[in-house]
Amino acid sequence: MPDGRLYDTDWYAWTQEQASALRRMAETRVNSELDLEHLAEEVESLGRSEENALDRALTRVIEHLLKLEQSPAVEPRKKWRLSVIEHRNRAQKAVRKSGTLKRLLPDLLPDAWSDGRKLTASALELFDDVPADALPAECPYTLDQILDDAFFPANRHGLD
């Protein structure tokens, strides 16, 4: 029987472990009134919500790093910087609380990049007349840069 330490040290991993245990119980047809398969799905879903929150935080950091780098607009640069700080904090907290989520970061980056780039491309086309193809096709930021409190890319138009 699990001792519960994983619950306190890596909640995401705990949800995945518990979902697997519930599914094993369902397969062995444990005589129980519990709806084990649906319970397993719900517990697993709780863990996925943590993964999704990390993905959203990475996406927002990437989006606003790109805007800071690519936009010729003076405003709302300060708001973009604050958003980067806020969402970095969220991502850093998630990976501090879960080694499993930290190990998933490289797998999450491609989708976060794609989503962040799409959001940035749309905004820059709408508000700044910057064509989508002006943005890099591949993520120019490393995971370390994305999570580094001190990293902000230079603006290609010379703005601070």
Foldseek 3Di string as FASTA:
>chain_A
DDPCVCCQQAVLVVLLVVLVVLVVCVVVVPPDPDPSNVVSVVSNVVSVVLLVLLLVLLLLLLLLLQCQAEAPDQPPNVVSLVSLVVSLVSNVVSCRRHVVSVVCVVVSVVVSNVNSLVVNQVVCCVPPVDHSVVDDPDRPDDPCLSNDNPHHDQHPNRHD
